[in-house]
Amino acid sequence: MTVLHGVDFFQSGKVSVTIEPRVPQSAFPEHHHDFYEIIIVEQGTGTHVFNGQPYTLSGGSVCFVRDHDRHLFEHTENLCLTNVLYRAPDAFKFLSGLDTLLPQEREGRYPSHWRINQSRLQQARRIIERLEEQDDTDVPQAVAGREILFMQLLVLLSQGSPVDDVSEHDGRLNRLLSWLEEHVAEEVCWEAIAARFSLSLRTLHRQLKQRTGLTPQRYLNRLRLVKAHHLLRYGETSVTDVAFQCGFGDSNHFSTLFRREFGWSPRDVRHGRDQQFL
């Protein structure tokens, strides 16, 4: 497994925060690093496999990665994101108590992923732009300036997690996206889904296309196919059963869509043939 080291990203041993844009973020093998990271997705879609579990990323997705977490990116499609790298929470010079603003593991569950609305995403962008403009020296004033901005970013992101205001279209769309991930195998009627989340069908189509770059049905199919890909690669379930578990009523249709999406048949993935050319 690839290990990324802070010495390759931080300008000096005293710099506590640095910015690494990925425009676009291509597929990247499983790795971990000796620093912490906040991933903020600007646009596009992709799969983030985090400690062995797949999560679908789209515009507004946020992920907190600790130094021991294993993760990788795959099935990326115009995925553009910003990585905010920072040293351990207790390694800041002027800040203390950052743990209260970071996700906390409870009963073995680490709430690493959530979504923020477009307003918060725009605010995050402005803070990140200011961070990028800061002097990278270890002069105390420069260090303090970066740490203050990082604190502002943490407050903004923590206020936006995990659910946005129910009165906002963005918040309703975020909950709709989360619902789709949790009910990926269920039959979907888009008119009923739009009503369920108090969105017009036209607004649902427009906003989901803006957020993900995909039409609603294309996005749902992608969720299903990505889940199927993960189950085939790491599980023991038959191809036919995987198809049904992921919401496909016809295994032949599933195989056709799967090959169109990934360039490999489900059986190729099951036998690891897709890994031979990565």
C-alpha atoms as a PDB file:
ATOM      1  CA  MET A   1       0.000   0.000   0.000  1.00  0.00           C
ATOM      2  CA  THR A   2       1.216   3.480  -0.879  1.00  0.00           C
ATOM      3  CA  VAL A   3       2.146   5.724   2.066  1.00  0.00           C
ATOM      4  CA  LEU A   4       2.144   9.500   1.569  1.00  0.00           C
ATOM      5  CA  HIS A   5       4.465  11.516   3.801  1.00  0.00           C
ATOM      6  CA  GLY A   6       3.934  15.042   5.049  1.00  0.00           C
ATOM      7  CA  VAL A   7       7.500  16.010   4.177  1.00  0.00           C
ATOM      8  CA  ASP A   8       6.470  15.878   0.505  1.00  0.00           C
ATOM      9  CA  PHE A   9       3.544  18.280   0.980  1.00  0.00           C
ATOM     10  CA  PHE A  10       4.305  20.690   3.839  1.00  0.00           C
ATOM     11  CA  GLN A  11       6.869  23.400   3.113  1.00  0.00           C
ATOM     12  CA  SER A  12       8.517  23.080   6.508  1.00  0.00           C
ATOM     13  CA  GLY A  13       8.177  21.222   9.767  1.00  0.00           C
ATOM     14  CA  LYS A  14       6.387  24.210  11.298  1.00  0.00           C
ATOM     15  CA  VAL A  15       3.695  24.607   8.631  1.00  0.00           C
ATOM     16  CA  SER A  16       0.521  23.018   9.970  1.00  0.00           C
ATOM     17  CA  VAL A  17      -1.908  23.428   7.021  1.00  0.00           C
ATOM     18  CA  THR A  18      -1.457  23.229   3.265  1.00  0.00           C
ATOM     19  CA  ILE A  19      -3.750  23.018   0.231  1.00  0.00           C
ATOM     20  CA  GLU A  20      -3.567  20.384  -2.520  1.00  0.00           C
ATOM     21  CA  PRO A  21      -6.113  20.899  -5.341  1.00  0.00           C
ATOM     22  CA  ARG A  22      -6.949  17.937  -7.567  1.00  0.00           C
ATOM     23  CA  VAL A  23      -8.520  19.217 -10.787  1.00  0.00           C
ATOM     24  CA  PRO A  24      -9.376  16.617 -11.784  1.00  0.00           C
ATOM     25  CA  GLN A  25      -8.852  13.818  -9.283  1.00  0.00           C
ATOM     26  CA  SER A  26      -8.117  10.673 -11.253  1.00  0.00           C
ATOM     27  CA  ALA A  27      -8.317   7.122  -9.950  1.00  0.00           C
ATOM     28  CA  PHE A  28      -5.726   6.616  -7.188  1.00  0.00           C
ATOM     29  CA  PRO A  29      -4.771   3.329  -5.493  1.00  0.00           C
ATOM     30  CA  GLU A  30      -5.330   2.570  -1.817  1.00  0.00           C
ATOM     31  CA  HIS A  31      -3.071   4.585   0.452  1.00  0.00           C
ATOM     32  CA  HIS A  32      -2.753   6.218   3.826  1.00  0.00           C
ATOM     33  CA  HIS A  33      -0.583   9.068   5.094  1.00  0.00           C
ATOM     34  CA  ASP A  34       1.129  10.423   8.176  1.00  0.00           C
ATOM     35  CA  PHE A  35      -1.034  13.560   8.205  1.00  0.00           C
ATOM     36  CA  TYR A  36      -4.755  14.329   8.303  1.00  0.00           C
ATOM     37  CA  GLU A  37      -6.881  15.531   5.407  1.00  0.00           C
ATOM     38  CA  ILE A  38     -10.209  17.152   4.590  1.00  0.00           C
ATOM     39  CA  ILE A  39     -11.555  16.361   1.121  1.00  0.00           C
ATOM     40  CA  ILE A  40     -13.998  18.923  -0.306  1.00  0.00           C
ATOM     41  CA  VAL A  41     -15.573  18.016  -3.647  1.00  0.00           C
ATOM     42  CA  GLU A  42     -16.290  20.832  -6.079  1.00  0.00           C
ATOM     43  CA  GLN A  43     -17.986  18.891  -8.892  1.00  0.00           C
ATOM     44  CA  GLY A  44     -18.158  15.618 -10.778  1.00  0.00           C
ATOM     45  CA  THR A  45     -18.621  12.153  -9.366  1.00  0.00           C
ATOM     46  CA  GLY A  46     -16.441   9.313  -8.141  1.00  0.00           C
ATOM     47  CA  THR A  47     -16.202   6.476  -5.683  1.00  0.00           C
ATOM     48  CA  HIS A  48     -14.257   6.968  -2.471  1.00  0.00           C
ATOM     49  CA  VAL A  49     -13.431   3.620  -0.865  1.00  0.00           C
ATOM     50  CA  PHE A  50     -12.784   4.508   2.762  1.00  0.00           C
ATOM     51  CA  ASN A  51     -11.521   1.752   5.078  1.00  0.00           C
ATOM     52  CA  GLY A  52     -12.996  -0.792   2.690  1.00  0.00           C
ATOM     53  CA  GLN A  53     -16.433   0.856   2.335  1.00  0.00           C
ATOM     54  CA  PRO A  54     -17.484   2.636  -0.892  1.00  0.00           C
ATOM     55  CA  TYR A  55     -18.988   6.142  -0.778  1.00  0.00           C
ATOM     56  CA  THR A  56     -20.242   8.084  -3.785  1.00  0.00           C
ATOM     57  CA  LEU A  57     -18.773  11.574  -4.077  1.00  0.00           C
ATOM     58  CA  SER A  58     -20.399  14.513  -5.838  1.00  0.00           C
ATOM     59  CA  GLY A  59     -20.362  18.311  -5.583  1.00  0.00           C
ATOM     60  CA  GLY A  60     -20.600  19.338  -1.914  1.00  0.00           C
ATOM     61  CA  SER A  61     -19.292  16.035  -0.514  1.00  0.00           C
ATOM     62  CA  VAL A  62     -16.935  16.403   2.445  1.00  0.00           C
ATOM     63  CA  CYS A  63     -14.733  13.707   3.945  1.00  0.00           C
ATOM     64  CA  PHE A  64     -12.437  13.776   6.959  1.00  0.00           C
ATOM     65  CA  VAL A  65      -9.487  11.381   6.698  1.00  0.00           C
ATOM     66  CA  ARG A  66      -7.309  10.522   9.699  1.00  0.00           C
ATOM     67  CA  ASP A  67      -3.670   9.492   9.478  1.00  0.00           C
ATOM     68  CA  HIS A  68      -4.465   5.769   9.837  1.00  0.00           C
ATOM     69  CA  ASP A  69      -7.451   5.620   7.476  1.00  0.00           C
ATOM     70  CA  ARG A  70      -7.041   3.659   4.233  1.00  0.00           C
ATOM     71  CA  HIS A  71      -8.714   5.122   1.173  1.00  0.00           C
ATOM     72  CA  LEU A  72      -8.684   5.198  -2.613  1.00  0.00           C
ATOM     73  CA  PHE A  73     -10.484   6.850  -5.528  1.00  0.00           C
ATOM     74  CA  GLU A  74     -11.997   4.985  -8.458  1.00  0.00           C
ATOM     75  CA  HIS A  75     -14.664   5.393 -11.154  1.00  0.00           C
ATOM     76  CA  THR A  76     -13.989   9.136 -11.258  1.00  0.00           C
ATOM     77  CA  GLU A  77     -15.860  11.253 -13.789  1.00  0.00           C
ATOM     78  CA  ASN A  78     -14.750  14.893 -13.939  1.00  0.00           C
ATOM     79  CA  LEU A  79     -14.163  14.697 -10.196  1.00  0.00           C
ATOM     80  CA  CYS A  80     -12.672  17.988  -9.004  1.00  0.00           C
ATOM     81  CA  LEU A  81     -11.778  18.412  -5.351  1.00  0.00           C
ATOM     82  CA  THR A  82      -9.580  20.233  -2.889  1.00  0.00           C
ATOM     83  CA  ASN A  83      -7.533  18.477  -0.216  1.00  0.00           C
ATOM     84  CA  VAL A  84      -6.881  20.491   2.924  1.00  0.00           C
ATOM     85  CA  LEU A  85      -3.940  18.747   4.578  1.00  0.00           C
ATOM     86  CA  TYR A  86      -3.179  19.311   8.229  1.00  0.00           C
ATOM     87  CA  ARG A  87      -0.990  17.820  10.874  1.00  0.00           C
ATOM     88  CA  ALA A  88      -2.385  15.965  13.887  1.00  0.00           C
ATOM     89  CA  PRO A  89      -5.049  17.995  15.760  1.00  0.00           C
ATOM     90  CA  ASP A  90      -2.664  18.531  18.679  1.00  0.00           C
ATOM     91  CA  ALA A  91       0.223  19.673  16.447  1.00  0.00           C
ATOM     92  CA  PHE A  92      -0.922  23.280  15.936  1.00  0.00           C
ATOM     93  CA  LYS A  93       1.067  26.115  17.407  1.00  0.00           C
ATOM     94  CA  PHE A  94      -1.740  28.521  18.334  1.00  0.00           C
ATOM     95  CA  LEU A  95      -4.854  26.328  18.349  1.00  0.00           C
ATOM     96  CA  SER A  96      -5.989  23.787  20.915  1.00  0.00           C
ATOM     97  CA  GLY A  97      -9.140  21.790  21.428  1.00  0.00           C
ATOM     98  CA  LEU A  98      -9.702  21.185  17.704  1.00  0.00           C
ATOM     99  CA  ASP A  99     -11.059  17.717  18.445  1.00  0.00           C
ATOM    100  CA  THR A 100     -14.414  19.242  19.382  1.00  0.00           C
ATOM    101  CA  LEU A 101     -14.824  20.474  15.778  1.00  0.00           C
ATOM    102  CA  LEU A 102     -13.729  17.204  14.160  1.00  0.00           C
ATOM    103  CA  PRO A 103     -15.855  14.081  13.625  1.00  0.00           C
ATOM    104  CA  GLN A 104     -15.735  11.803  16.658  1.00  0.00           C
ATOM    105  CA  GLU A 105     -15.766   8.019  16.534  1.00  0.00           C
ATOM    106  CA  ARG A 106     -18.606   6.610  18.629  1.00  0.00           C
ATOM    107  CA  GLU A 107     -19.273   2.927  19.240  1.00  0.00           C
ATOM    108  CA  GLY A 108     -16.863   2.018  16.471  1.00  0.00           C
ATOM    109  CA  ARG A 109     -18.511   4.280  13.892  1.00  0.00           C
ATOM    110  CA  TYR A 110     -16.626   7.199  12.394  1.00  0.00           C
ATOM    111  CA  PRO A 111     -18.928   9.738  10.634  1.00  0.00           C
ATOM    112  CA  SER A 112     -16.387  10.556   7.962  1.00  0.00           C
ATOM    113  CA  HIS A 113     -18.632  11.636   5.056  1.00  0.00           C
ATOM    114  CA  TRP A 114     -21.406  14.180   4.663  1.00  0.00           C
ATOM    115  CA  ARG A 115     -22.590  16.862   2.269  1.00  0.00           C
ATOM    116  CA  ILE A 116     -22.759  20.625   2.547  1.00  0.00           C
ATOM    117  CA  ASN A 117     -25.031  22.900   0.544  1.00  0.00           C
ATOM    118  CA  GLN A 118     -23.809  25.119  -2.275  1.00  0.00           C
ATOM    119  CA  SER A 119     -23.804  28.244  -0.110  1.00  0.00           C
ATOM    120  CA  ARG A 120     -21.414  26.630   2.380  1.00  0.00           C
ATOM    121  CA  LEU A 121     -19.345  25.237  -0.480  1.00  0.00           C
ATOM    122  CA  GLN A 122     -18.890  28.753  -1.837  1.00  0.00           C
ATOM    123  CA  GLN A 123     -17.891  30.007   1.617  1.00  0.00           C
ATOM    124  CA  ALA A 124     -15.420  27.136   1.953  1.00  0.00           C
ATOM    125  CA  ARG A 125     -13.905  28.044  -1.408  1.00  0.00           C
ATOM    126  CA  ARG A 126     -13.310  31.616  -0.255  1.00  0.00           C
ATOM    127  CA  ILE A 127     -11.570  30.464   2.932  1.00  0.00           C
ATOM    128  CA  ILE A 128      -9.429  28.019   0.938  1.00  0.00           C
ATOM    129  CA  GLU A 129      -8.479  30.776  -1.512  1.00  0.00           C
ATOM    130  CA  ARG A 130      -7.307  32.890   1.425  1.00  0.00           C
ATOM    131  CA  LEU A 131      -5.353  29.931   2.792  1.00  0.00           C
ATOM    132  CA  GLU A 132      -3.629  29.536  -0.560  1.00  0.00           C
ATOM    133  CA  GLU A 133      -2.716  33.227  -0.520  1.00  0.00           C
ATOM    134  CA  GLN A 134      -1.076  32.998   2.897  1.00  0.00           C
ATOM    135  CA  ASP A 135       2.694  33.123   3.261  1.00  0.00           C
ATOM    136  CA  ASP A 136       4.080  29.582   3.707  1.00  0.00           C
ATOM    137  CA  THR A 137       6.869  30.713   6.005  1.00  0.00           C
ATOM    138  CA  ASP A 138       7.146  29.719   9.660  1.00  0.00           C
ATOM    139  CA  VAL A 139       7.007  33.345  10.828  1.00  0.00           C
ATOM    140  CA  PRO A 140       4.609  33.343  13.822  1.00  0.00           C
ATOM    141  CA  GLN A 141       2.198  35.809  12.224  1.00  0.00           C
ATOM    142  CA  ALA A 142       1.975  33.679   9.062  1.00  0.00           C
ATOM    143  CA  VAL A 143       1.482  30.486  11.060  1.00  0.00           C
ATOM    144  CA  ALA A 144      -1.231  32.136  13.163  1.00  0.00           C
ATOM    145  CA  GLY A 145      -2.987  33.463  10.034  1.00  0.00           C
ATOM    146  CA  ARG A 146      -3.187  30.013   8.478  1.00  0.00           C
ATOM    147  CA  GLU A 147      -4.393  28.445  11.700  1.00  0.00           C
ATOM    148  CA  ILE A 148      -7.129  31.065  12.154  1.00  0.00           C
ATOM    149  CA  LEU A 149      -8.397  30.416   8.632  1.00  0.00           C
ATOM    150  CA  PHE A 150      -8.286  26.667   9.232  1.00  0.00           C
ATOM    151  CA  MET A 151     -10.385  27.145  12.375  1.00  0.00           C
ATOM    152  CA  GLN A 152     -12.923  29.157  10.356  1.00  0.00           C
ATOM    153  CA  LEU A 153     -13.095  26.325   7.799  1.00  0.00           C
ATOM    154  CA  LEU A 154     -13.677  23.725  10.516  1.00  0.00           C
ATOM    155  CA  VAL A 155     -16.474  25.776  12.069  1.00  0.00           C
ATOM    156  CA  LEU A 156     -18.120  26.211   8.660  1.00  0.00           C
ATOM    157  CA  LEU A 157     -17.937  22.499   7.818  1.00  0.00           C
ATOM    158  CA  SER A 158     -19.038  21.325  11.261  1.00  0.00           C
ATOM    159  CA  GLN A 159     -22.090  23.614  11.117  1.00  0.00           C
ATOM    160  CA  GLY A 160     -22.952  22.077   7.763  1.00  0.00           C
ATOM    161  CA  SER A 161     -22.908  18.478   8.978  1.00  0.00           C
ATOM    162  CA  PRO A 162     -24.573  16.192   8.620  1.00  0.00           C
ATOM    163  CA  VAL A 163     -27.921  17.666   7.476  1.00  0.00           C
ATOM    164  CA  ASP A 164     -28.658  21.033   5.895  1.00  0.00           C
ATOM    165  CA  ASP A 165     -31.636  23.275   6.554  1.00  0.00           C
ATOM    166  CA  VAL A 166     -34.858  21.513   5.496  1.00  0.00           C
ATOM    167  CA  SER A 167     -36.153  24.775   4.038  1.00  0.00           C
ATOM    168  CA  GLU A 168     -33.394  24.940   1.417  1.00  0.00           C
ATOM    169  CA  HIS A 169     -33.508  23.214  -1.958  1.00  0.00           C
ATOM    170  CA  ASP A 170     -29.856  22.223  -1.476  1.00  0.00           C
ATOM    171  CA  GLY A 171     -30.644  20.634   1.871  1.00  0.00           C
ATOM    172  CA  ARG A 172     -33.516  18.646   0.418  1.00  0.00           C
ATOM    173  CA  LEU A 173     -31.347  17.520  -2.488  1.00  0.00           C
ATOM    174  CA  ASN A 174     -28.606  16.417  -0.073  1.00  0.00           C
ATOM    175  CA  ARG A 175     -31.092  14.291   1.840  1.00  0.00           C
ATOM    176  CA  LEU A 176     -32.418  12.887  -1.430  1.00  0.00           C
ATOM    177  CA  LEU A 177     -28.876  11.889  -2.473  1.00  0.00           C
ATOM    178  CA  SER A 178     -28.313  10.232   0.891  1.00  0.00           C
ATOM    179  CA  TRP A 179     -31.659   8.429   0.602  1.00  0.00           C
ATOM    180  CA  LEU A 180     -30.733   7.084  -2.839  1.00  0.00           C
ATOM    181  CA  GLU A 181     -27.473   5.660  -1.488  1.00  0.00           C
ATOM    182  CA  GLU A 182     -29.283   3.956   1.392  1.00  0.00           C
ATOM    183  CA  HIS A 183     -32.125   2.586  -0.792  1.00  0.00           C
ATOM    184  CA  VAL A 184     -30.168   1.903  -3.950  1.00  0.00           C
ATOM    185  CA  ALA A 185     -31.830  -1.480  -4.586  1.00  0.00           C
ATOM    186  CA  GLU A 186     -35.403  -0.178  -4.335  1.00  0.00           C
ATOM    187  CA  GLU A 187     -37.592   0.627  -7.314  1.00  0.00           C
ATOM    188  CA  VAL A 188     -37.631   4.385  -7.810  1.00  0.00           C
ATOM    189  CA  CYS A 189     -40.457   6.553  -9.091  1.00  0.00           C
ATOM    190  CA  TRP A 190     -38.941   9.989  -9.633  1.00  0.00           C
ATOM    191  CA  GLU A 191     -42.263  11.790  -9.280  1.00  0.00           C
ATOM    192  CA  ALA A 192     -42.793  10.167  -5.868  1.00  0.00           C
ATOM    193  CA  ILE A 193     -39.190  10.869  -4.812  1.00  0.00           C
ATOM    194  CA  ALA A 194     -39.531  14.540  -5.803  1.00  0.00           C
ATOM    195  CA  ALA A 195     -42.703  14.818  -3.729  1.00  0.00           C
ATOM    196  CA  ARG A 196     -41.098  12.992  -0.798  1.00  0.00           C
ATOM    197  CA  PHE A 197     -38.382  15.648  -0.558  1.00  0.00           C
ATOM    198  CA  SER A 198     -40.637  18.614  -1.408  1.00  0.00           C
ATOM    199  CA  LEU A 199     -39.010  19.266  -4.765  1.00  0.00           C
ATOM    200  CA  SER A 200     -40.655  19.698  -8.139  1.00  0.00           C
ATOM    201  CA  LEU A 201     -39.648  17.053 -10.662  1.00  0.00           C
ATOM    202  CA  ARG A 202     -38.086  19.746 -12.828  1.00  0.00           C
ATOM    203  CA  THR A 203     -36.057  21.122  -9.903  1.00  0.00           C
ATOM    204  CA  LEU A 204     -34.915  17.613  -8.946  1.00  0.00           C
ATOM    205  CA  HIS A 205     -33.640  16.950 -12.484  1.00  0.00           C
ATOM    206  CA  ARG A 206     -31.974  20.342 -12.816  1.00  0.00           C
ATOM    207  CA  GLN A 207     -30.255  20.401  -9.428  1.00  0.00           C
ATOM    208  CA  LEU A 208     -29.111  16.783  -9.508  1.00  0.00           C
ATOM    209  CA  LYS A 209     -27.642  17.324 -12.982  1.00  0.00           C
ATOM    210  CA  GLN A 210     -25.893  20.486 -11.769  1.00  0.00           C
ATOM    211  CA  ARG A 211     -24.522  18.703  -8.684  1.00  0.00           C
ATOM    212  CA  THR A 212     -23.386  15.447 -10.279  1.00  0.00           C
ATOM    213  CA  GLY A 213     -23.207  16.088 -14.014  1.00  0.00           C
ATOM    214  CA  LEU A 214     -25.611  13.159 -14.502  1.00  0.00           C
ATOM    215  CA  THR A 215     -29.340  12.801 -15.054  1.00  0.00           C
ATOM    216  CA  PRO A 216     -31.232  11.291 -12.090  1.00  0.00           C
ATOM    217  CA  GLN A 217     -31.589   7.837 -13.668  1.00  0.00           C
ATOM    218  CA  ARG A 218     -27.964   7.834 -14.852  1.00  0.00           C
ATOM    219  CA  TYR A 219     -26.838   8.787 -11.344  1.00  0.00           C
ATOM    220  CA  LEU A 220     -28.970   6.055  -9.767  1.00  0.00           C
ATOM    221  CA  ASN A 221     -27.619   3.481 -12.224  1.00  0.00           C
ATOM    222  CA  ARG A 222     -24.093   4.601 -11.393  1.00  0.00           C
ATOM    223  CA  LEU A 223     -24.755   4.167  -7.664  1.00  0.00           C
ATOM    224  CA  ARG A 224     -26.075   0.674  -8.310  1.00  0.00           C
ATOM    225  CA  LEU A 225     -23.220  -0.291 -10.612  1.00  0.00           C
ATOM    226  CA  VAL A 226     -20.542   1.032  -8.259  1.00  0.00           C
ATOM    227  CA  LYS A 227     -22.048  -0.953  -5.396  1.00  0.00           C
ATOM    228  CA  ALA A 228     -22.178  -4.024  -7.618  1.00  0.00           C
ATOM    229  CA  HIS A 229     -18.544  -3.534  -8.636  1.00  0.00           C
ATOM    230  CA  HIS A 230     -17.515  -3.423  -4.973  1.00  0.00           C
ATOM    231  CA  LEU A 231     -19.528  -6.526  -4.084  1.00  0.00           C
ATOM    232  CA  LEU A 232     -18.096  -8.455  -7.038  1.00  0.00           C
ATOM    233  CA  ARG A 233     -14.514  -7.501  -6.264  1.00  0.00           C
ATOM    234  CA  TYR A 234     -14.585  -8.127  -2.528  1.00  0.00           C
ATOM    235  CA  GLY A 235     -17.525 -10.484  -1.932  1.00  0.00           C
ATOM    236  CA  GLU A 236     -18.541 -14.040  -2.707  1.00  0.00           C
ATOM    237  CA  THR A 237     -22.106 -13.464  -3.925  1.00  0.00           C
ATOM    238  CA  SER A 238     -22.957 -14.730  -7.415  1.00  0.00           C
ATOM    239  CA  VAL A 239     -23.234 -12.272 -10.292  1.00  0.00           C
ATOM    240  CA  THR A 240     -26.991 -12.873 -10.545  1.00  0.00           C
ATOM    241  CA  ASP A 241     -27.535 -12.256  -6.821  1.00  0.00           C
ATOM    242  CA  VAL A 242     -25.373  -9.115  -6.923  1.00  0.00           C
ATOM    243  CA  ALA A 243     -27.530  -7.798  -9.762  1.00  0.00           C
ATOM    244  CA  PHE A 244     -30.711  -8.276  -7.721  1.00  0.00           C
ATOM    245  CA  GLN A 245     -29.117  -6.874  -4.539  1.00  0.00           C
ATOM    246  CA  CYS A 246     -28.245  -3.703  -6.435  1.00  0.00           C
ATOM    247  CA  GLY A 247     -31.694  -3.106  -7.916  1.00  0.00           C
ATOM    248  CA  PHE A 248     -31.428  -4.795 -11.308  1.00  0.00           C
ATOM    249  CA  GLY A 249     -34.282  -7.149 -12.110  1.00  0.00           C
ATOM    250  CA  ASP A 250     -32.579  -8.599 -15.182  1.00  0.00           C
ATOM    251  CA  SER A 251     -29.033  -9.960 -14.867  1.00  0.00           C
ATOM    252  CA  ASN A 252     -28.427  -9.703 -18.633  1.00  0.00           C
ATOM    253  CA  HIS A 253     -29.385  -6.021 -18.637  1.00  0.00           C
ATOM    254  CA  PHE A 254     -27.179  -5.578 -15.567  1.00  0.00           C
ATOM    255  CA  SER A 255     -24.204  -7.138 -17.388  1.00  0.00           C
ATOM    256  CA  THR A 256     -24.744  -4.876 -20.396  1.00  0.00           C
ATOM    257  CA  LEU A 257     -24.844  -1.710 -18.268  1.00  0.00           C
ATOM    258  CA  PHE A 258     -21.891  -2.909 -16.185  1.00  0.00           C
ATOM    259  CA  ARG A 259     -19.672  -3.472 -19.221  1.00  0.00           C
ATOM    260  CA  ARG A 260     -20.741  -0.102 -20.657  1.00  0.00           C
ATOM    261  CA  GLU A 261     -19.843   1.646 -17.386  1.00  0.00           C
ATOM    262  CA  PHE A 262     -16.539  -0.052 -16.551  1.00  0.00           C
ATOM    263  CA  GLY A 263     -15.337  -1.707 -19.749  1.00  0.00           C
ATOM    264  CA  TRP A 264     -15.312  -5.100 -18.046  1.00  0.00           C
ATOM    265  CA  SER A 265     -17.931  -7.772 -17.573  1.00  0.00           C
ATOM    266  CA  PRO A 266     -19.119  -8.609 -14.034  1.00  0.00           C
ATOM    267  CA  ARG A 267     -17.336 -11.970 -14.303  1.00  0.00           C
ATOM    268  CA  ASP A 268     -14.080 -10.244 -15.279  1.00  0.00           C
ATOM    269  CA  VAL A 269     -14.267  -8.204 -12.079  1.00  0.00           C
ATOM    270  CA  ARG A 270     -15.216 -11.241 -10.006  1.00  0.00           C
ATOM    271  CA  HIS A 271     -12.068 -13.023 -11.211  1.00  0.00           C
ATOM    272  CA  GLY A 272      -9.855  -9.962 -10.825  1.00  0.00           C
ATOM    273  CA  ARG A 273      -9.099  -9.544 -14.523  1.00  0.00           C
ATOM    274  CA  ASP A 274      -9.843  -5.814 -14.375  1.00  0.00           C
ATOM    275  CA  GLN A 275      -6.936  -5.416 -11.922  1.00  0.00           C
ATOM    276  CA  GLN A 276      -4.363  -6.806 -14.354  1.00  0.00           C
ATOM    277  CA  PHE A 277      -4.168  -3.583 -16.348  1.00  0.00           C
ATOM    278  CA  LEU A 278      -4.516  -0.967 -13.597  1.00  0.00           C
END
